C-alpha cells in the first residue's frame, strides 16, 4: 500500500486574472507616453541644405513651420513641379503667410508670443527668390524671429 495517492479527479486550477487590468493599463500608459503624434503631412520635397554651424531650437512648441519646395512625386500630377509653399497641411500663396502667422499667434498665450519663431524649411533646390518673398511677408506680419532649418555637415 502506498502512502500517497494521486487525486485524478481534481482539475488544474484556473489562471488568476486579478492582475490583468493592471497590466493592460500599464501597457496603455506606456504607448500613450511613447507615441509621437504626426503634426503635418509634408507635401513638398525636403532635402535640407547642409550647414556647419547649427543651433538647436529650445522650445519647438513655439515654432511655426513654413515648408518651401516642389511637390513630392505623388502630388506633381495635381500641383506640377514648380516650387510651392506649404502651411500646415495645405499649399498656400505668399500672401497667405501673414494670416497663418496671426492664426498661430492667436493659438498661443500672450506671454509666449514674443518667443515665437518662424522656421523656414526650404528644399536645397528651391530658388532664393521664393524664400525672399516668404521673408518679406514674415516682416509684414511682424514675425522677425526667423530660423532656417538645415542638417549638419559631416
Protein backbone atom coordinates (compact mmCIF):
# COMPACT_ATOMS: atom_id res chain seq x y z
CA UNK A 1 0.00 0.00 0.00
CA UNK A 2 1.30 3.36 -0.87
CA UNK A 3 1.17 6.25 1.47
CA UNK A 4 0.48 8.91 -1.17
CA UNK A 5 -2.43 8.74 -3.53
CA UNK A 6 -2.88 10.56 -6.81
CA UNK A 7 -6.01 12.63 -6.98
CA UNK A 8 -7.10 12.00 -10.52
CA UNK A 9 -10.46 13.64 -10.02
CA UNK A 10 -9.23 17.21 -9.43
CA UNK A 11 -8.88 19.75 -12.27
CA UNK A 12 -5.92 22.07 -12.63
CA UNK A 13 -6.53 25.49 -11.06
CA UNK A 14 -7.50 28.36 -13.37
CA UNK A 15 -5.20 31.27 -14.19
CA UNK A 16 -5.77 34.25 -11.96
CA UNK A 17 -6.87 37.33 -13.91
CA UNK A 18 -6.79 39.68 -10.94
CA UNK A 19 -3.65 41.49 -12.21
CA UNK A 20 -4.81 41.66 -15.85
CA UNK A 21 -6.33 45.20 -15.60
CA UNK A 22 -3.09 46.47 -14.08
CA UNK A 23 -1.09 45.06 -16.97
CA UNK A 24 -3.49 46.46 -19.57
CA UNK A 25 -3.39 49.95 -18.08
CA UNK A 26 0.38 49.83 -17.77
CA UNK A 27 0.69 48.95 -21.48
CA UNK A 28 -1.84 51.64 -22.41
CA UNK A 29 0.07 54.25 -20.42
CA UNK A 30 3.38 53.14 -21.99
CA UNK A 31 2.05 53.51 -25.55
CA UNK A 32 0.40 56.85 -24.78
CA UNK A 33 3.69 58.25 -23.49
CA UNK A 34 5.95 56.88 -26.21
CA UNK A 35 3.77 57.52 -29.26
CA UNK A 36 4.61 60.61 -31.30
CA UNK A 37 1.68 62.26 -32.99
CA UNK A 38 2.23 63.46 -36.54
CA UNK A 39 1.67 67.18 -36.84
CA UNK A 40 1.56 67.78 -40.57
CA UNK A 41 1.77 65.76 -43.76
CA UNK A 42 4.76 67.01 -45.74
CA UNK A 43 3.69 67.53 -49.34
CA UNK A 44 6.90 69.18 -50.62
CA UNK A 45 10.37 67.77 -51.13
CA UNK A 46 12.51 68.20 -48.05
CA UNK A 47 16.19 67.77 -48.90
CA UNK A 48 17.65 70.17 -46.37
CA UNK A 49 20.75 72.20 -47.21
CA UNK A 50 23.86 71.43 -45.19
CA UNK A 51 25.48 73.79 -42.69
CA UNK A 52 28.45 73.64 -40.35
CA UNK A 53 27.35 75.98 -37.57
CA UNK A 54 23.89 74.97 -36.41
CA UNK A 55 21.97 75.53 -33.21
CA UNK A 56 19.02 73.53 -31.90
CA UNK A 57 15.73 75.23 -31.18
CA UNK A 58 14.88 75.27 -27.50
CA UNK A 59 11.07 75.35 -27.46
CA UNK A 60 9.70 73.56 -30.50
CA UNK A 61 6.15 74.23 -29.38
CA UNK A 62 6.67 77.92 -30.19
CA UNK A 63 7.85 77.28 -33.74
CA UNK A 64 5.65 77.84 -36.81
CA UNK A 65 6.93 75.85 -39.78
CA UNK A 66 6.77 77.09 -43.36
CA UNK A 67 7.69 74.40 -45.90
CA UNK A 68 9.01 75.52 -49.29
CA UNK A 69 9.84 73.20 -52.18
CA UNK A 70 8.49 71.43 -55.20
CA UNK A 71 5.62 68.99 -54.56
CA UNK A 72 6.50 65.36 -53.88
CA UNK A 73 6.09 62.93 -56.77
CA UNK A 74 2.60 61.76 -55.78
CA UNK A 75 1.39 65.40 -55.82
CA UNK A 76 3.09 66.52 -59.05
CA UNK A 77 0.19 65.38 -61.22
CA UNK A 78 -2.12 67.83 -59.45
CA UNK A 79 0.20 70.66 -58.48
CA UNK A 80 3.02 70.47 -61.05
CA UNK A 81 6.71 70.56 -60.20
CA UNK A 82 7.15 74.28 -59.57
CA UNK A 83 8.22 75.26 -56.02
CA UNK A 84 5.28 75.81 -53.67
CA UNK A 85 4.68 76.95 -50.09
CA UNK A 86 3.02 74.64 -47.59
CA UNK A 87 1.41 75.98 -44.42
CA UNK A 88 0.16 73.23 -42.10
CA UNK A 89 -1.48 70.61 -44.35
CA UNK A 90 -2.28 72.75 -47.39
CA UNK A 91 -0.49 74.59 -50.16
CA UNK A 92 -0.69 78.36 -49.92
CA UNK A 93 0.35 81.54 -51.67
CA UNK A 94 2.89 84.02 -50.37
CA UNK A 95 0.05 86.40 -49.46
CA UNK A 96 -1.40 83.81 -47.04
CA UNK A 97 1.62 83.89 -44.71
CA UNK A 98 0.56 86.88 -42.53
CA UNK A 99 -2.83 85.29 -41.95
CA UNK A 100 -1.11 82.00 -40.99
CA UNK A 101 1.23 83.77 -38.55
CA UNK A 102 -1.66 85.68 -36.98
CA UNK A 103 -3.62 82.43 -36.57
CA UNK A 104 -0.59 80.82 -34.90
CA UNK A 105 -0.32 83.79 -32.54
CA UNK A 106 -3.99 83.53 -31.66
CA UNK A 107 -3.47 79.94 -30.51
CA UNK A 108 -0.66 80.91 -28.12
CA UNK A 109 -0.69 82.55 -24.74
CA UNK A 110 0.06 86.29 -24.80
CA UNK A 111 3.29 85.77 -22.84
CA UNK A 112 4.62 83.30 -25.42
CA UNK A 113 4.08 85.49 -28.49
CA UNK A 114 7.45 87.35 -28.27
CA UNK A 115 9.27 84.00 -28.19
CA UNK A 116 7.59 82.59 -31.31
CA UNK A 117 9.87 81.63 -34.19
CA UNK A 118 9.04 81.17 -37.86
CA UNK A 119 11.09 78.28 -39.24
CA UNK A 120 11.57 78.08 -42.99
CA UNK A 121 12.15 74.52 -44.14
CA UNK A 122 13.19 75.09 -47.73
CA UNK A 123 14.40 72.41 -50.09
CA UNK A 124 18.01 72.92 -51.17
CA UNK A 125 16.94 73.23 -54.84
CA UNK A 126 14.40 75.99 -54.14
CA UNK A 127 15.10 79.34 -55.75
CA UNK A 128 16.09 82.05 -53.29
CA UNK A 129 13.52 84.46 -54.80
CA UNK A 130 10.65 82.48 -53.29
CA UNK A 131 12.42 82.30 -49.92
CA UNK A 132 12.96 86.08 -50.04
CA UNK A 133 9.26 86.60 -50.78
CA UNK A 134 8.43 84.45 -47.73
CA UNK A 135 10.79 86.54 -45.59
CA UNK A 136 9.19 89.79 -46.83
CA UNK A 137 5.72 88.53 -45.90
CA UNK A 138 7.01 87.48 -42.48
CA UNK A 139 8.28 91.03 -41.98
CA UNK A 140 4.86 92.41 -42.89
CA UNK A 141 3.34 90.09 -40.26
CA UNK A 142 5.93 91.35 -37.73
CA UNK A 143 7.40 87.84 -37.35
CA UNK A 144 11.02 88.90 -37.06
CA UNK A 145 12.47 85.76 -35.45
CA UNK A 146 13.24 83.58 -38.46
CA UNK A 147 15.04 80.25 -38.46
CA UNK A 148 16.36 78.31 -41.45
CA UNK A 149 16.18 74.54 -40.96
CA UNK A 150 19.29 72.68 -42.12
CA UNK A 151 21.16 69.47 -41.47
CA UNK A 152 24.66 69.22 -40.12
CA UNK A 153 27.58 68.63 -42.46
CA UNK A 154 29.63 65.55 -41.63
